[in-house]
């Protein structure tokens, strides 16, 4: 399977911005292949939210391949005019759930509130999961209390945080 994917990978057009080619993104994500022409920050001027989210998700799932943190990708996307959506925050928070990036997670929480996604059940659930996974039960409770109607899964996660 990997050999087949690599063969098709090399048949795709190669340009300076070839990482923006959607089939190439799919190949990198599915094959867990390193991108030999990984995007630079300047390349984000040509990206869109879907590709931005894909790059953040790739780092969340397979680890950092370019030396940049997911938060740097997020900030660069903002600087180029991209607007985050629910998936942006969910992938970003997933990438930061490892105990080492608590300050970055709090910065993302600030962005969530500032952009109006704090009322999204999906984003609030990701924030709740981030704080629970990193042992910040008080902050998790704050997020939980601000939710309009938390579902059963979020109630379970909050109870699990206290146990």
Protein backbone atom coordinates (compact mmCIF):
# COMPACT_ATOMS: atom_id res chain seq x y z
CA UNK A 1 0.00 0.00 0.00
CA UNK A 2 2.76 2.45 0.99
CA UNK A 3 4.64 1.71 -2.27
CA UNK A 4 1.48 2.31 -4.31
CA UNK A 5 0.86 5.63 -2.56
CA UNK A 6 4.48 6.69 -3.02
CA UNK A 7 4.27 5.86 -6.76
CA UNK A 8 1.17 8.02 -7.21
CA UNK A 9 2.71 10.69 -5.00
CA UNK A 10 5.64 11.13 -7.38
CA UNK A 11 3.27 11.43 -10.35
CA UNK A 12 1.61 14.54 -8.91
CA UNK A 13 2.83 17.90 -10.22
CA UNK A 14 5.72 19.41 -8.23
CA UNK A 15 5.97 23.18 -7.82
CA UNK A 16 7.05 25.50 -5.04
CA UNK A 17 3.45 25.50 -3.81
CA UNK A 18 2.78 21.83 -4.52
CA UNK A 19 1.78 21.21 -0.91
CA UNK A 20 -1.41 23.14 -1.73
CA UNK A 21 -2.45 20.53 -4.28
CA UNK A 22 -5.38 18.74 -2.52
CA UNK A 23 -4.45 15.21 -3.73
CA UNK A 24 -0.94 15.80 -2.38
CA UNK A 25 -2.36 16.84 1.01
CA UNK A 26 -4.44 13.65 1.00
CA UNK A 27 -1.36 11.53 0.23
CA UNK A 28 0.63 13.14 3.06
CA UNK A 29 -2.19 12.61 5.51
CA UNK A 30 -3.05 9.03 4.54
CA UNK A 31 0.48 7.74 4.01
CA UNK A 32 1.98 9.57 6.97
CA UNK A 33 4.63 10.67 4.49
CA UNK A 34 6.96 13.54 5.18
CA UNK A 35 6.52 16.39 2.76
CA UNK A 36 9.88 16.93 1.04
CA UNK A 37 8.78 20.44 0.12
CA UNK A 38 7.12 21.34 3.42
CA UNK A 39 5.32 24.68 3.40
CA UNK A 40 7.04 27.79 4.58
CA UNK A 41 5.24 30.58 6.37
CA UNK A 42 5.20 32.62 3.14
CA UNK A 43 3.30 29.85 1.37
CA UNK A 44 0.27 30.49 3.55
CA UNK A 45 -0.65 33.48 1.40
CA UNK A 46 -1.97 30.92 -1.10
CA UNK A 47 -3.78 28.68 1.34
CA UNK A 48 -7.40 28.45 2.42
CA UNK A 49 -9.03 27.37 5.67
CA UNK A 50 -9.37 23.74 4.58
CA UNK A 51 -5.66 23.44 3.80
CA UNK A 52 -4.77 25.38 6.97
CA UNK A 53 -6.82 22.96 9.06
CA UNK A 54 -5.26 20.01 7.24
CA UNK A 55 -1.74 21.14 8.10
CA UNK A 56 -2.69 21.61 11.77
CA UNK A 57 -4.48 18.23 11.80
CA UNK A 58 -1.44 16.56 10.21
CA UNK A 59 0.75 17.78 13.05
CA UNK A 60 -1.83 16.73 15.65
CA UNK A 61 -2.04 13.20 14.24
CA UNK A 62 1.52 12.48 13.15
CA UNK A 63 3.73 14.85 15.07
CA UNK A 64 5.68 17.85 14.00
CA UNK A 65 7.42 17.42 10.62
CA UNK A 66 8.59 20.95 9.88
CA UNK A 67 10.01 22.26 13.15
CA UNK A 68 7.08 24.63 13.70
CA UNK A 69 4.45 24.17 16.34
CA UNK A 70 0.76 24.02 15.43
CA UNK A 71 0.31 27.39 17.13
CA UNK A 72 2.82 28.99 14.73
CA UNK A 73 0.81 27.64 11.79
CA UNK A 74 -2.33 29.06 13.40
CA UNK A 75 -0.78 32.50 13.94
CA UNK A 76 0.62 32.61 10.41
CA UNK A 77 -2.78 31.74 8.97
CA UNK A 78 -4.33 34.58 10.96
CA UNK A 79 -1.68 36.99 9.67
CA UNK A 80 -2.49 36.06 6.07
CA UNK A 81 -6.17 36.76 6.61
CA UNK A 82 -7.54 33.26 7.17
CA UNK A 83 -10.47 33.03 9.57
CA UNK A 84 -10.62 30.01 11.87
CA UNK A 85 -13.63 27.74 12.01
CA UNK A 86 -14.69 25.03 14.50
CA UNK A 87 -12.33 22.46 12.97
CA UNK A 88 -9.38 24.84 13.27
CA UNK A 89 -9.79 25.05 17.03
CA UNK A 90 -10.58 21.36 17.47
CA UNK A 91 -7.44 20.27 15.59
CA UNK A 92 -5.31 22.90 17.30
CA UNK A 93 -6.42 21.87 20.78
CA UNK A 94 -5.89 18.20 19.92
CA UNK A 95 -2.34 19.03 18.85
CA UNK A 96 -1.68 20.80 22.14
CA UNK A 97 -2.96 18.03 24.47
CA UNK A 98 0.34 16.69 25.71
CA UNK A 99 1.00 18.58 28.91
CA UNK A 100 3.81 20.68 27.45
CA UNK A 101 1.74 23.37 25.78
CA UNK A 102 -0.56 24.65 28.51
CA UNK A 103 0.25 28.32 27.87
CA UNK A 104 -0.38 27.84 24.16
CA UNK A 105 -3.68 26.14 24.97
CA UNK A 106 -4.71 29.12 27.06
CA UNK A 107 -3.84 31.41 24.13
CA UNK A 108 -6.08 29.29 21.93
CA UNK A 109 -8.84 29.55 24.56
CA UNK A 110 -8.54 33.33 24.36
CA UNK A 111 -8.86 33.14 20.56
CA UNK A 112 -11.91 30.89 20.89
CA UNK A 113 -13.65 33.46 23.08
CA UNK A 114 -12.54 36.39 20.91
CA UNK A 115 -13.79 34.77 17.67
CA UNK A 116 -17.14 33.75 19.14
CA UNK A 117 -16.67 29.98 19.05
CA UNK A 118 -17.01 29.58 22.82
CA UNK A 119 -20.70 28.81 22.30
CA UNK A 120 -19.90 25.91 19.94
CA UNK A 121 -20.43 22.59 21.69
CA UNK A 122 -17.64 20.99 19.65
CA UNK A 123 -15.06 23.67 20.42
CA UNK A 124 -16.11 23.89 24.07
CA UNK A 125 -15.80 20.11 24.27
CA UNK A 126 -12.28 20.31 22.82
CA UNK A 127 -11.38 23.00 25.36
CA UNK A 128 -12.84 20.92 28.16
CA UNK A 129 -10.86 17.89 26.98
CA UNK A 130 -7.69 19.97 26.75
CA UNK A 131 -7.97 21.21 30.33
CA UNK A 132 -8.99 17.79 31.73
CA UNK A 133 -6.12 16.04 29.91
CA UNK A 134 -3.63 18.54 31.32
CA UNK A 135 -5.00 18.32 34.87
CA UNK A 136 -6.62 21.75 35.10
CA UNK A 137 -9.95 20.76 36.64
CA UNK A 138 -10.83 24.31 37.75
CA UNK A 139 -10.42 25.70 34.23
CA UNK A 140 -12.29 22.73 32.81
CA UNK A 141 -15.13 23.47 35.22
CA UNK A 142 -15.15 27.11 34.09
CA UNK A 143 -15.52 26.03 30.45
CA UNK A 144 -18.19 23.51 31.44
CA UNK A 145 -20.19 26.10 33.41
CA UNK A 146 -20.19 28.49 30.44
CA UNK A 147 -21.72 25.88 28.10
CA UNK A 148 -25.40 26.50 27.32
CA UNK A 149 -26.44 22.81 27.40
CA UNK A 150 -23.60 20.31 27.84
CA UNK A 151 -24.39 16.87 26.51
CA UNK A 152 -23.96 13.50 28.17
CA UNK A 153 -20.40 13.04 26.88
CA UNK A 154 -19.29 16.38 28.33
CA UNK A 155 -20.97 15.62 31.67
CA UNK A 156 -19.12 12.30 31.72
CA UNK A 157 -15.82 13.99 30.93
CA UNK A 158 -16.36 16.53 33.70
CA UNK A 159 -17.22 13.81 36.23
CA UNK A 160 -14.17 11.85 35.10
CA UNK A 161 -12.03 14.95 35.76
CA UNK A 162 -13.08 14.94 39.41
CA UNK A 163 -12.56 11.21 39.94
